[in-house]
Amino acid sequence: MLFRELLDARGEGFVATESELEDLLIAVLMRFGLPIPSKQVVLGGDLPVGRVDFVYRPECVVIEADGRKHHTALLDADRDRWRDIELAAAGFVVIRVTWRQLVDEPVRFVRALEKLLARSA
């Protein structure tokens, strides 16, 4: 019963974040009054490219929260770059953000994101 109450409180269609970094990104967006993008969405053109961390679908802007665990090895970086190319070919702008960027320079990140969203709207 408690589990059902927790799910009901989150609302229909709730999608959880998958890391502390993603939680931090949401907190930064909320702090600066930006809309919260869709989370954990499969995107692509004719064929799915893969699941992205966040997307502002109408503006075709993807945000990937790059933590050390899954984005530091050479093979991970190559895979990420291929996804970026395929998403760009499908019409999406992909931006990547790290913990350090969100903690040390959140205003810089938010300003750049606002420009992208305004340009794409």
PDB file of N, CA and C in Angstrom:
ATOM      1  N   MET A   1       0.820  -1.187   0.000  1.00  0.00           N
ATOM      2  CA  MET A   1       0.000   0.000   0.000  1.00  0.00           C
ATOM      3  C   MET A   1       0.869   1.258   0.000  1.00  0.00           C
ATOM      4  N   LEU A   2       1.927   1.278   0.778  1.00  0.00           N
ATOM      5  CA  LEU A   2       2.815   2.433   0.809  1.00  0.00           C
ATOM      6  C   LEU A   2       3.430   2.673  -0.564  1.00  0.00           C
ATOM      7  N   PHE A   3       3.832   1.594  -1.231  1.00  0.00           N
ATOM      8  CA  PHE A   3       4.427   1.717  -2.559  1.00  0.00           C
ATOM      9  C   PHE A   3       3.440   2.354  -3.533  1.00  0.00           C
ATOM     10  N   ARG A   4       2.179   1.929  -3.498  1.00  0.00           N
ATOM     11  CA  ARG A   4       1.135   2.482  -4.367  1.00  0.00           C
ATOM     12  C   ARG A   4       0.943   3.965  -4.064  1.00  0.00           C
ATOM     13  N   GLU A   5       0.954   4.359  -2.796  1.00  0.00           N
ATOM     14  CA  GLU A   5       0.799   5.770  -2.422  1.00  0.00           C
ATOM     15  C   GLU A   5       1.952   6.605  -2.963  1.00  0.00           C
ATOM     16  N   LEU A   6       3.164   6.070  -2.882  1.00  0.00           N
ATOM     17  CA  LEU A   6       4.319   6.787  -3.407  1.00  0.00           C
ATOM     18  C   LEU A   6       4.210   6.975  -4.922  1.00  0.00           C
ATOM     19  N   LEU A   7       3.795   5.933  -5.624  1.00  0.00           N
ATOM     20  CA  LEU A   7       3.634   6.035  -7.073  1.00  0.00           C
ATOM     21  C   LEU A   7       2.523   7.014  -7.438  1.00  0.00           C
ATOM     22  N   ASP A   8       1.402   6.943  -6.728  1.00  0.00           N
ATOM     23  CA  ASP A   8       0.285   7.854  -7.002  1.00  0.00           C
ATOM     24  C   ASP A   8       0.687   9.304  -6.782  1.00  0.00           C
ATOM     25  N   ALA A   9       1.506   9.557  -5.769  1.00  0.00           N
ATOM     26  CA  ALA A   9       1.932  10.922  -5.468  1.00  0.00           C
ATOM     27  C   ALA A   9       2.804  11.490  -6.584  1.00  0.00           C
ATOM     28  N   ARG A  10       3.514  10.638  -7.305  1.00  0.00           N
ATOM     29  CA  ARG A  10       4.388  11.102  -8.378  1.00  0.00           C
ATOM     30  C   ARG A  10       3.620  11.415  -9.656  1.00  0.00           C
ATOM     31  N   GLY A  11       2.451  10.853  -9.814  1.00  0.00           N
ATOM     32  CA  GLY A  11       1.631  11.143 -10.987  1.00  0.00           C
ATOM     33  C   GLY A  11       1.822  10.129 -12.100  1.00  0.00           C
ATOM     34  N   GLU A  12       0.832  10.094 -12.977  1.00  0.00           N
ATOM     35  CA  GLU A  12       0.867   9.172 -14.106  1.00  0.00           C
ATOM     36  C   GLU A  12       2.007   9.536 -15.055  1.00  0.00           C
ATOM     37  N   GLY A  13       2.694   8.531 -15.540  1.00  0.00           N
ATOM     38  CA  GLY A  13       3.779   8.766 -16.480  1.00  0.00           C
ATOM     39  C   GLY A  13       5.097   9.162 -15.834  1.00  0.00           C
ATOM     40  N   PHE A  14       5.179   9.088 -14.515  1.00  0.00           N
ATOM     41  CA  PHE A  14       6.413   9.459 -13.818  1.00  0.00           C
ATOM     42  C   PHE A  14       7.569   8.584 -14.280  1.00  0.00           C
ATOM     43  N   VAL A  15       8.704   9.232 -14.567  1.00  0.00           N
ATOM     44  CA  VAL A  15       9.931   8.525 -14.927  1.00  0.00           C
ATOM     45  C   VAL A  15      11.015   9.006 -13.969  1.00  0.00           C
ATOM     46  N   ALA A  16      11.642   8.075 -13.294  1.00  0.00           N
ATOM     47  CA  ALA A  16      12.681   8.425 -12.319  1.00  0.00           C
ATOM     48  C   ALA A  16      13.987   8.764 -13.015  1.00  0.00           C
ATOM     49  N   THR A  17      14.800   9.568 -12.337  1.00  0.00           N
ATOM     50  CA  THR A  17      16.159   9.787 -12.803  1.00  0.00           C
ATOM     51  C   THR A  17      16.966   8.540 -12.461  1.00  0.00           C
ATOM     52  N   GLU A  18      18.177   8.440 -13.023  1.00  0.00           N
ATOM     53  CA  GLU A  18      18.961   7.229 -12.817  1.00  0.00           C
ATOM     54  C   GLU A  18      20.278   7.455 -12.089  1.00  0.00           C
ATOM     55  N   SER A  19      20.513   8.687 -11.607  1.00  0.00           N
ATOM     56  CA  SER A  19      21.770   8.938 -10.910  1.00  0.00           C
ATOM     57  C   SER A  19      21.665  10.227 -10.102  1.00  0.00           C
ATOM     58  N   GLU A  20      22.623  10.402  -9.212  1.00  0.00           N
ATOM     59  CA  GLU A  20      22.703  11.649  -8.457  1.00  0.00           C
ATOM     60  C   GLU A  20      23.000  12.817  -9.389  1.00  0.00           C
ATOM     61  N   LEU A  21      23.774  12.575 -10.430  1.00  0.00           N
ATOM     62  CA  LEU A  21      24.064  13.623 -11.397  1.00  0.00           C
ATOM     63  C   LEU A  21      22.784  14.084 -12.092  1.00  0.00           C
ATOM     64  N   GLU A  22      21.938  13.159 -12.470  1.00  0.00           N
ATOM     65  CA  GLU A  22      20.669  13.530 -13.098  1.00  0.00           C
ATOM     66  C   GLU A  22      19.789  14.300 -12.114  1.00  0.00           C
ATOM     67  N   ASP A  23      19.800  13.893 -10.842  1.00  0.00           N
ATOM     68  CA  ASP A  23      19.059  14.641  -9.819  1.00  0.00           C
ATOM     69  C   ASP A  23      19.595  16.065  -9.685  1.00  0.00           C
ATOM     70  N   LEU A  24      20.920  16.204  -9.731  1.00  0.00           N
ATOM     71  CA  LEU A  24      21.532  17.523  -9.651  1.00  0.00           C
ATOM     72  C   LEU A  24      21.120  18.380 -10.842  1.00  0.00           C
ATOM     73  N   LEU A  25      21.108  17.808 -12.018  1.00  0.00           N
ATOM     74  CA  LEU A  25      20.692  18.548 -13.201  1.00  0.00           C
ATOM     75  C   LEU A  25      19.265  19.065 -13.038  1.00  0.00           C
ATOM     76  N   ILE A  26      18.369  18.221 -12.576  1.00  0.00           N
ATOM     77  CA  ILE A  26      16.980  18.647 -12.345  1.00  0.00           C
ATOM     78  C   ILE A  26      16.947  19.785 -11.331  1.00  0.00           C
ATOM     79  N   ALA A  27      17.726  19.673 -10.267  1.00  0.00           N
ATOM     80  CA  ALA A  27      17.765  20.722  -9.241  1.00  0.00           C
ATOM     81  C   ALA A  27      18.247  22.049  -9.822  1.00  0.00           C
ATOM     82  N   VAL A  28      19.269  21.999 -10.664  1.00  0.00           N
ATOM     83  CA  VAL A  28      19.778  23.232 -11.289  1.00  0.00           C
ATOM     84  C   VAL A  28      18.714  23.838 -12.196  1.00  0.00           C
ATOM     85  N   LEU A  29      18.063  23.013 -13.004  1.00  0.00           N
ATOM     86  CA  LEU A  29      17.023  23.523 -13.885  1.00  0.00           C
ATOM     87  C   LEU A  29      15.897  24.176 -13.084  1.00  0.00           C
ATOM     88  N   MET A  30      15.485  23.533 -12.014  1.00  0.00           N
ATOM     89  CA  MET A  30      14.424  24.085 -11.169  1.00  0.00           C
ATOM     90  C   MET A  30      14.867  25.382 -10.506  1.00  0.00           C
ATOM     91  N   ARG A  31      16.094  25.413 -10.025  1.00  0.00           N
ATOM     92  CA  ARG A  31      16.624  26.601  -9.351  1.00  0.00           C
ATOM     93  C   ARG A  31      16.587  27.832 -10.248  1.00  0.00           C
ATOM     94  N   PHE A  32      16.831  27.613 -11.542  1.00  0.00           N
ATOM     95  CA  PHE A  32      16.865  28.732 -12.475  1.00  0.00           C
ATOM     96  C   PHE A  32      15.563  28.889 -13.270  1.00  0.00           C
ATOM     97  N   GLY A  33      14.547  28.133 -12.886  1.00  0.00           N
ATOM     98  CA  GLY A  33      13.229  28.299 -13.492  1.00  0.00           C
ATOM     99  C   GLY A  33      13.068  27.765 -14.899  1.00  0.00           C
ATOM    100  N   LEU A  34      13.926  26.839 -15.282  1.00  0.00           N
ATOM    101  CA  LEU A  34      13.779  26.230 -16.609  1.00  0.00           C
ATOM    102  C   LEU A  34      12.798  25.067 -16.539  1.00  0.00           C
ATOM    103  N   PRO A  35      12.111  24.791 -17.635  1.00  0.00           N
ATOM    104  CA  PRO A  35      11.205  23.642 -17.641  1.00  0.00           C
ATOM    105  C   PRO A  35      11.995  22.335 -17.521  1.00  0.00           C
ATOM    106  N   ILE A  36      11.364  21.355 -16.932  1.00  0.00           N
ATOM    107  CA  ILE A  36      12.005  20.050 -16.769  1.00  0.00           C
ATOM    108  C   ILE A  36      11.785  19.240 -18.046  1.00  0.00           C
ATOM    109  N   PRO A  37      12.870  18.755 -18.651  1.00  0.00           N
ATOM    110  CA  PRO A  37      12.728  17.964 -19.883  1.00  0.00           C
ATOM    111  C   PRO A  37      12.215  16.559 -19.588  1.00  0.00           C
ATOM    112  N   SER A  38      11.800  15.866 -20.628  1.00  0.00           N
ATOM    113  CA  SER A  38      11.424  14.453 -20.499  1.00  0.00           C
ATOM    114  C   SER A  38      12.673  13.655 -20.158  1.00  0.00           C
ATOM    115  N   LYS A  39      12.488  12.592 -19.351  1.00  0.00           N
ATOM    116  CA  LYS A  39      13.621  11.790 -18.883  1.00  0.00           C
ATOM    117  C   LYS A  39      13.596  10.399 -19.491  1.00  0.00           C
ATOM    118  N   GLN A  40      14.790   9.886 -19.773  1.00  0.00           N
ATOM    119  CA  GLN A  40      14.980   8.503 -20.224  1.00  0.00           C
ATOM    120  C   GLN A  40      14.075   8.165 -21.403  1.00  0.00           C
ATOM    121  N   VAL A  41      14.323   8.825 -22.530  1.00  0.00           N
ATOM    122  CA  VAL A  41      13.498   8.696 -23.729  1.00  0.00           C
ATOM    123  C   VAL A  41      14.316   8.059 -24.852  1.00  0.00           C
ATOM    124  N   VAL A  42      13.712   7.136 -25.572  1.00  0.00           N
ATOM    125  CA  VAL A  42      14.362   6.531 -26.739  1.00  0.00           C
ATOM    126  C   VAL A  42      14.108   7.445 -27.937  1.00  0.00           C
ATOM    127  N   LEU A  43      15.196   7.829 -28.613  1.00  0.00           N
ATOM    128  CA  LEU A  43      15.117   8.738 -29.756  1.00  0.00           C
ATOM    129  C   LEU A  43      15.829   8.159 -30.965  1.00  0.00           C
ATOM    130  N   GLY A  44      15.578   8.775 -32.095  1.00  0.00           N
ATOM    131  CA  GLY A  44      16.277   8.417 -33.310  1.00  0.00           C
ATOM    132  C   GLY A  44      15.485   8.836 -34.515  1.00  0.00           C
ATOM    133  N   GLY A  45      15.999   8.536 -35.662  1.00  0.00           N
ATOM    134  CA  GLY A  45      15.323   8.845 -36.911  1.00  0.00           C
ATOM    135  C   GLY A  45      14.463   7.668 -37.331  1.00  0.00           C
ATOM    136  N   ASP A  46      14.782   7.108 -38.495  1.00  0.00           N
ATOM    137  CA  ASP A  46      14.027   5.954 -38.980  1.00  0.00           C
ATOM    138  C   ASP A  46      14.183   4.757 -38.047  1.00  0.00           C
ATOM    139  N   LEU A  47      15.379   4.622 -37.460  1.00  0.00           N
ATOM    140  CA  LEU A  47      15.641   3.563 -36.490  1.00  0.00           C
ATOM    141  C   LEU A  47      16.019   4.208 -35.162  1.00  0.00           C
ATOM    142  N   PRO A  48      15.637   3.614 -34.045  1.00  0.00           N
ATOM    143  CA  PRO A  48      16.018   4.192 -32.759  1.00  0.00           C
ATOM    144  C   PRO A  48      17.536   4.254 -32.593  1.00  0.00           C
ATOM    145  N   VAL A  49      18.020   5.387 -32.102  1.00  0.00           N
ATOM    146  CA  VAL A  49      19.450   5.552 -31.846  1.00  0.00           C
ATOM    147  C   VAL A  49      19.775   5.063 -30.450  1.00  0.00           C
ATOM    148  N   GLY A  50      18.911   5.356 -29.513  1.00  0.00           N
ATOM    149  CA  GLY A  50      19.124   4.921 -28.142  1.00  0.00           C
ATOM    150  C   GLY A  50      18.384   5.801 -27.157  1.00  0.00           C
ATOM    151  N   ARG A  51      18.523   5.437 -25.908  1.00  0.00           N
ATOM    152  CA  ARG A  51      17.858   6.177 -24.843  1.00  0.00           C
ATOM    153  C   ARG A  51      18.751   7.321 -24.401  1.00  0.00           C
ATOM    154  N   VAL A  52      18.158   8.495 -24.275  1.00  0.00           N
ATOM    155  CA  VAL A  52      18.886   9.675 -23.814  1.00  0.00           C
ATOM    156  C   VAL A  52      18.439  10.011 -22.399  1.00  0.00           C
ATOM    157  N   ASP A  53      19.304  10.711 -21.676  1.00  0.00           N
ATOM    158  CA  ASP A  53      18.978  11.076 -20.299  1.00  0.00           C
ATOM    159  C   ASP A  53      17.797  12.046 -20.250  1.00  0.00           C
ATOM    160  N   PHE A  54      17.877  13.114 -21.051  1.00  0.00           N
ATOM    161  CA  PHE A  54      16.837  14.144 -21.053  1.00  0.00           C
ATOM    162  C   PHE A  54      16.636  14.667 -22.462  1.00  0.00           C
ATOM    163  N   VAL A  55      15.406  15.067 -22.771  1.00  0.00           N
ATOM    164  CA  VAL A  55      15.146  15.696 -24.066  1.00  0.00           C
ATOM    165  C   VAL A  55      14.053  16.744 -23.926  1.00  0.00           C
ATOM    166  N   TYR A  56      14.316  17.882 -24.546  1.00  0.00           N
ATOM    167  CA  TYR A  56      13.282  18.873 -24.799  1.00  0.00           C
ATOM    168  C   TYR A  56      12.836  18.556 -26.222  1.00  0.00           C
ATOM    169  N   ARG A  57      11.814  17.766 -26.340  1.00  0.00           N
ATOM    170  CA  ARG A  57      11.423  17.223 -27.647  1.00  0.00           C
ATOM    171  C   ARG A  57      11.015  18.303 -28.650  1.00  0.00           C
ATOM    172  N   PRO A  58      10.157  19.264 -28.285  1.00  0.00           N
ATOM    173  CA  PRO A  58       9.768  20.267 -29.289  1.00  0.00           C
ATOM    174  C   PRO A  58      10.957  21.073 -29.828  1.00  0.00           C
ATOM    175  N   GLU A  59      11.957  21.301 -28.969  1.00  0.00           N
ATOM    176  CA  GLU A  59      13.125  22.072 -29.371  1.00  0.00           C
ATOM    177  C   GLU A  59      14.239  21.208 -29.937  1.00  0.00           C
ATOM    178  N   CYS A  60      14.069  19.885 -29.868  1.00  0.00           N
ATOM    179  CA  CYS A  60      15.064  18.921 -30.365  1.00  0.00           C
ATOM    180  C   CYS A  60      16.424  19.106 -29.682  1.00  0.00           C
ATOM    181  N   VAL A  61      16.394  19.304 -28.361  1.00  0.00           N
ATOM    182  CA  VAL A  61      17.620  19.460 -27.577  1.00  0.00           C
ATOM    183  C   VAL A  61      17.717  18.298 -26.593  1.00  0.00           C
ATOM    184  N   VAL A  62      18.822  17.581 -26.661  1.00  0.00           N
ATOM    185  CA  VAL A  62      19.098  16.447 -25.778  1.00  0.00           C
ATOM    186  C   VAL A  62      20.164  16.872 -24.775  1.00  0.00           C
ATOM    187  N   ILE A  63      19.974  16.485 -23.513  1.00  0.00           N
ATOM    188  CA  ILE A  63      21.006  16.688 -22.497  1.00  0.00           C
ATOM    189  C   ILE A  63      21.443  15.321 -21.999  1.00  0.00           C
ATOM    190  N   GLU A  64      22.722  15.059 -22.078  1.00  0.00           N
ATOM    191  CA  GLU A  64      23.307  13.838 -21.537  1.00  0.00           C
ATOM    192  C   GLU A  64      24.119  14.212 -20.303  1.00  0.00           C
ATOM    193  N   ALA A  65      23.788  13.606 -19.180  1.00  0.00           N
ATOM    194  CA  ALA A  65      24.513  13.821 -17.928  1.00  0.00           C
ATOM    195  C   ALA A  65      25.636  12.796 -17.876  1.00  0.00           C
ATOM    196  N   ASP A  66      26.858  13.252 -18.109  1.00  0.00           N
ATOM    197  CA  ASP A  66      27.996  12.346 -18.234  1.00  0.00           C
ATOM    198  C   ASP A  66      28.731  12.169 -16.914  1.00  0.00           C
ATOM    199  N   GLY A  67      28.434  11.068 -16.240  1.00  0.00           N
ATOM    200  CA  GLY A  67      29.155  10.716 -15.031  1.00  0.00           C
ATOM    201  C   GLY A  67      30.401   9.917 -15.360  1.00  0.00           C
ATOM    202  N   ARG A  68      31.261   9.785 -14.403  1.00  0.00           N
ATOM    203  CA  ARG A  68      32.520   9.061 -14.622  1.00  0.00           C
ATOM    204  C   ARG A  68      32.320   7.575 -14.842  1.00  0.00           C
ATOM    205  N   LYS A  69      31.294   7.012 -14.231  1.00  0.00           N
ATOM    206  CA  LYS A  69      31.112   5.565 -14.275  1.00  0.00           C
ATOM    207  C   LYS A  69      30.919   5.031 -15.694  1.00  0.00           C
ATOM    208  N   HIS A  70      30.162   5.747 -16.530  1.00  0.00           N
ATOM    209  CA  HIS A  70      29.827   5.211 -17.851  1.00  0.00           C
ATOM    210  C   HIS A  70      30.350   6.043 -19.021  1.00  0.00           C
ATOM    211  N   HIS A  71      31.192   7.034 -18.747  1.00  0.00           N
ATOM    212  CA  HIS A  71      31.579   7.919 -19.846  1.00  0.00           C
ATOM    213  C   HIS A  71      33.068   8.252 -19.886  1.00  0.00           C
ATOM    214  N   THR A  72      33.901   7.481 -19.216  1.00  0.00           N
ATOM    215  CA  THR A  72      35.319   7.818 -19.205  1.00  0.00           C
ATOM    216  C   THR A  72      36.191   6.859 -20.016  1.00  0.00           C
ATOM    217  N   ALA A  73      35.763   5.638 -20.179  1.00  0.00           N
ATOM    218  CA  ALA A  73      36.564   4.682 -20.950  1.00  0.00           C
ATOM    219  C   ALA A  73      36.509   5.039 -22.435  1.00  0.00           C
ATOM    220  N   LEU A  74      37.550   4.688 -23.154  1.00  0.00           N
ATOM    221  CA  LEU A  74      37.639   5.001 -24.579  1.00  0.00           C
ATOM    222  C   LEU A  74      36.452   4.435 -25.356  1.00  0.00           C
ATOM    223  N   LEU A  75      36.079   3.192 -25.079  1.00  0.00           N
ATOM    224  CA  LEU A  75      34.945   2.596 -25.797  1.00  0.00           C
ATOM    225  C   LEU A  75      33.649   3.319 -25.485  1.00  0.00           C
ATOM    226  N   ASP A  76      33.485   3.760 -24.224  1.00  0.00           N
ATOM    227  CA  ASP A  76      32.294   4.531 -23.860  1.00  0.00           C
ATOM    228  C   ASP A  76      32.259   5.840 -24.631  1.00  0.00           C
ATOM    229  N   ALA A  77      33.390   6.521 -24.704  1.00  0.00           N
ATOM    230  CA  ALA A  77      33.464   7.803 -25.408  1.00  0.00           C
ATOM    231  C   ALA A  77      33.161   7.616 -26.892  1.00  0.00           C
ATOM    232  N   ASP A  78      33.695   6.577 -27.497  1.00  0.00           N
ATOM    233  CA  ASP A  78      33.413   6.306 -28.912  1.00  0.00           C
ATOM    234  C   ASP A  78      31.915   6.049 -29.127  1.00  0.00           C
ATOM    235  N   ARG A  79      31.345   5.236 -28.263  1.00  0.00           N
ATOM    236  CA  ARG A  79      29.910   4.942 -28.367  1.00  0.00           C
ATOM    237  C   ARG A  79      29.087   6.226 -28.229  1.00  0.00           C
ATOM    238  N   ASP A  80      29.446   7.069 -27.264  1.00  0.00           N
ATOM    239  CA  ASP A  80      28.741   8.339 -27.068  1.00  0.00           C
ATOM    240  C   ASP A  80      28.836   9.227 -28.299  1.00  0.00           C
ATOM    241  N   ARG A  81      30.014   9.301 -28.901  1.00  0.00           N
ATOM    242  CA  ARG A  81      30.197  10.158 -30.079  1.00  0.00           C
ATOM    243  C   ARG A  81      29.369   9.663 -31.256  1.00  0.00           C
ATOM    244  N   TRP A  82      29.307   8.335 -31.450  1.00  0.00           N
ATOM    245  CA  TRP A  82      28.470   7.796 -32.510  1.00  0.00           C
ATOM    246  C   TRP A  82      27.001   8.144 -32.275  1.00  0.00           C
ATOM    247  N   ARG A  83      26.549   8.022 -31.038  1.00  0.00           N
ATOM    248  CA  ARG A  83      25.158   8.386 -30.723  1.00  0.00           C
ATOM    249  C   ARG A  83      24.913   9.858 -30.991  1.00  0.00           C
ATOM    250  N   ASP A  84      25.879  10.712 -30.638  1.00  0.00           N
ATOM    251  CA  ASP A  84      25.731  12.152 -30.884  1.00  0.00           C
ATOM    252  C   ASP A  84      25.574  12.422 -32.384  1.00  0.00           C
ATOM    253  N   ILE A  85      26.397  11.751 -33.195  1.00  0.00           N
ATOM    254  CA  ILE A  85      26.326  11.929 -34.645  1.00  0.00           C
ATOM    255  C   ILE A  85      24.974  11.459 -35.172  1.00  0.00           C
ATOM    256  N   GLU A  86      24.528  10.294 -34.722  1.00  0.00           N
ATOM    257  CA  GLU A  86      23.250   9.755 -35.198  1.00  0.00           C
ATOM    258  C   GLU A  86      22.077  10.611 -34.742  1.00  0.00           C
ATOM    259  N   LEU A  87      22.139  11.135 -33.520  1.00  0.00           N
ATOM    260  CA  LEU A  87      21.077  12.027 -33.056  1.00  0.00           C
ATOM    261  C   LEU A  87      21.085  13.345 -33.833  1.00  0.00           C
ATOM    262  N   ALA A  88      22.270  13.866 -34.137  1.00  0.00           N
ATOM    263  CA  ALA A  88      22.370  15.086 -34.941  1.00  0.00           C
ATOM    264  C   ALA A  88      21.759  14.843 -36.324  1.00  0.00           C
ATOM    265  N   ALA A  89      22.033  13.679 -36.900  1.00  0.00           N
ATOM    266  CA  ALA A  89      21.464  13.347 -38.206  1.00  0.00           C
ATOM    267  C   ALA A  89      19.941  13.261 -38.145  1.00  0.00           C
ATOM    268  N   ALA A  90      19.411  12.934 -36.967  1.00  0.00           N
ATOM    269  CA  ALA A  90      17.958  12.861 -36.776  1.00  0.00           C
ATOM    270  C   ALA A  90      17.371  14.218 -36.382  1.00  0.00           C
ATOM    271  N   GLY A  91      18.225  15.254 -36.315  1.00  0.00           N
ATOM    272  CA  GLY A  91      17.729  16.600 -36.058  1.00  0.00           C
ATOM    273  C   GLY A  91      17.865  17.106 -34.638  1.00  0.00           C
ATOM    274  N   PHE A  92      18.573  16.389 -33.790  1.00  0.00           N
ATOM    275  CA  PHE A  92      18.726  16.791 -32.392  1.00  0.00           C
ATOM    276  C   PHE A  92      20.079  17.451 -32.137  1.00  0.00           C
ATOM    277  N   VAL A  93      20.080  18.437 -31.260  1.00  0.00           N
ATOM    278  CA  VAL A  93      21.316  19.016 -30.742  1.00  0.00           C
ATOM    279  C   VAL A  93      21.589  18.300 -29.429  1.00  0.00           C
ATOM    280  N   VAL A  94      22.781  17.764 -29.269  1.00  0.00           N
ATOM    281  CA  VAL A  94      23.149  17.030 -28.059  1.00  0.00           C
ATOM    282  C   VAL A  94      24.153  17.854 -27.270  1.00  0.00           C
ATOM    283  N   ILE A  95      23.831  18.096 -25.998  1.00  0.00           N
ATOM    284  CA  ILE A  95      24.794  18.739 -25.110  1.00  0.00           C
ATOM    285  C   ILE A  95      25.082  17.785 -23.964  1.00  0.00           C
ATOM    286  N   ARG A  96      26.307  17.787 -23.535  1.00  0.00           N
ATOM    287  CA  ARG A  96      26.748  16.920 -22.444  1.00  0.00           C
ATOM    288  C   ARG A  96      27.163  17.789 -21.275  1.00  0.00           C
ATOM    289  N   VAL A  97      26.836  17.338 -20.079  1.00  0.00           N
ATOM    290  CA  VAL A  97      27.157  18.119 -18.890  1.00  0.00           C
ATOM    291  C   VAL A  97      27.688  17.175 -17.810  1.00  0.00           C
ATOM    292  N   THR A  98      28.606  17.689 -17.018  1.00  0.00           N
ATOM    293  CA  THR A  98      29.222  16.903 -15.944  1.00  0.00           C
ATOM    294  C   THR A  98      28.840  17.478 -14.591  1.00  0.00           C
ATOM    295  N   TRP A  99      29.117  16.707 -13.554  1.00  0.00           N
ATOM    296  CA  TRP A  99      28.887  17.138 -12.175  1.00  0.00           C
ATOM    297  C   TRP A  99      29.628  18.447 -11.910  1.00  0.00           C
ATOM    298  N   ARG A 100      30.873  18.459 -12.289  1.00  0.00           N
ATOM    299  CA  ARG A 100      31.712  19.643 -12.030  1.00  0.00           C
ATOM    300  C   ARG A 100      31.130  20.894 -12.686  1.00  0.00           C
ATOM    301  N   GLN A 101      30.663  20.778 -13.912  1.00  0.00           N
ATOM    302  CA  GLN A 101      30.066  21.925 -14.599  1.00  0.00           C
ATOM    303  C   GLN A 101      28.827  22.420 -13.859  1.00  0.00           C
ATOM    304  N   LEU A 102      27.986  21.497 -13.411  1.00  0.00           N
ATOM    305  CA  LEU A 102      26.755  21.893 -12.725  1.00  0.00           C
ATOM    306  C   LEU A 102      27.016  22.492 -11.349  1.00  0.00           C
ATOM    307  N   VAL A 103      28.061  22.018 -10.674  1.00  0.00           N
ATOM    308  CA  VAL A 103      28.386  22.535  -9.347  1.00  0.00           C
ATOM    309  C   VAL A 103      29.187  23.833  -9.443  1.00  0.00           C
ATOM    310  N   ASP A 104      30.196  23.846 -10.311  1.00  0.00           N
ATOM    311  CA  ASP A 104      31.102  24.998 -10.379  1.00  0.00           C
ATOM    312  C   ASP A 104      30.561  26.154 -11.214  1.00  0.00           C
ATOM    313  N   GLU A 105      29.833  25.849 -12.287  1.00  0.00           N
ATOM    314  CA  GLU A 105      29.383  26.911 -13.189  1.00  0.00           C
ATOM    315  C   GLU A 105      27.943  26.690 -13.674  1.00  0.00           C
ATOM    316  N   PRO A 106      27.000  26.589 -12.746  1.00  0.00           N
ATOM    317  CA  PRO A 106      25.616  26.343 -13.177  1.00  0.00           C
ATOM    318  C   PRO A 106      25.049  27.475 -14.028  1.00  0.00           C
ATOM    319  N   VAL A 107      25.419  28.705 -13.735  1.00  0.00           N
ATOM    320  CA  VAL A 107      24.898  29.839 -14.505  1.00  0.00           C
ATOM    321  C   VAL A 107      25.357  29.752 -15.959  1.00  0.00           C
ATOM    322  N   ARG A 108      26.600  29.400 -16.159  1.00  0.00           N
ATOM    323  CA  ARG A 108      27.133  29.261 -17.528  1.00  0.00           C
ATOM    324  C   ARG A 108      26.364  28.184 -18.292  1.00  0.00           C
ATOM    325  N   PHE A 109      26.117  27.047 -17.647  1.00  0.00           N
ATOM    326  CA  PHE A 109      25.359  25.968 -18.277  1.00  0.00           C
ATOM    327  C   PHE A 109      23.944  26.427 -18.607  1.00  0.00           C
ATOM    328  N   VAL A 110      23.276  27.047 -17.653  1.00  0.00           N
ATOM    329  CA  VAL A 110      21.890  27.477 -17.842  1.00  0.00           C
ATOM    330  C   VAL A 110      21.785  28.516 -18.959  1.00  0.00           C
ATOM    331  N   ARG A 111      22.694  29.460 -19.000  1.00  0.00           N
ATOM    332  CA  ARG A 111      22.669  30.478 -20.069  1.00  0.00           C
ATOM    333  C   ARG A 111      22.805  29.833 -21.451  1.00  0.00           C
ATOM    334  N   ALA A 112      23.717  28.897 -21.576  1.00  0.00           N
ATOM    335  CA  ALA A 112      23.894  28.220 -22.865  1.00  0.00           C
ATOM    336  C   ALA A 112      22.646  27.421 -23.227  1.00  0.00           C
ATOM    337  N   LEU A 113      22.073  26.725 -22.257  1.00  0.00           N
ATOM    338  CA  LEU A 113      20.868  25.939 -22.513  1.00  0.00           C
ATOM    339  C   LEU A 113      19.705  26.854 -22.902  1.00  0.00           C
ATOM    340  N   GLU A 114      19.561  27.967 -22.216  1.00  0.00           N
ATOM    341  CA  GLU A 114      18.484  28.915 -22.553  1.00  0.00           C
ATOM    342  C   GLU A 114      18.620  29.401 -23.994  1.00  0.00           C
ATOM    343  N   LYS A 115      19.835  29.691 -24.417  1.00  0.00           N
ATOM    344  CA  LYS A 115      20.063  30.134 -25.801  1.00  0.00           C
ATOM    345  C   LYS A 115      19.674  29.046 -26.793  1.00  0.00           C
ATOM    346  N   LEU A 116      20.050  27.812 -26.479  1.00  0.00           N
ATOM    347  CA  LEU A 116      19.688  26.701 -27.369  1.00  0.00           C
ATOM    348  C   LEU A 116      18.180  26.523 -27.451  1.00  0.00           C
ATOM    349  N   LEU A 117      17.518  26.563 -26.311  1.00  0.00           N
ATOM    350  CA  LEU A 117      16.074  26.379 -26.299  1.00  0.00           C
ATOM    351  C   LEU A 117      15.365  27.517 -27.035  1.00  0.00           C
ATOM    352  N   ALA A 118      15.837  28.743 -26.864  1.00  0.00           N
ATOM    353  CA  ALA A 118      15.232  29.889 -27.551  1.00  0.00           C
ATOM    354  C   ALA A 118      15.454  29.810 -29.052  1.00  0.00           C
ATOM    355  N   ARG A 119      16.626  29.378 -29.455  1.00  0.00           N
ATOM    356  CA  ARG A 119      16.951  29.261 -30.868  1.00  0.00           C
ATOM    357  C   ARG A 119      16.139  28.174 -31.538  1.00  0.00           C
ATOM    358  N   SER A 120      15.872  27.124 -30.803  1.00  0.00           N
ATOM    359  CA  SER A 120      15.173  25.978 -31.370  1.00  0.00           C
ATOM    360  C   SER A 120      13.660  26.119 -31.314  1.00  0.00           C
ATOM    361  N   ALA A 121      13.166  27.044 -30.496  1.00  0.00           N
ATOM    362  CA  ALA A 121      11.701  27.175 -30.320  1.00  0.00           C
ATOM    363  C   ALA A 121      11.030  27.778 -31.541  1.00  0.00           C
TER     364      ALA A 121
END
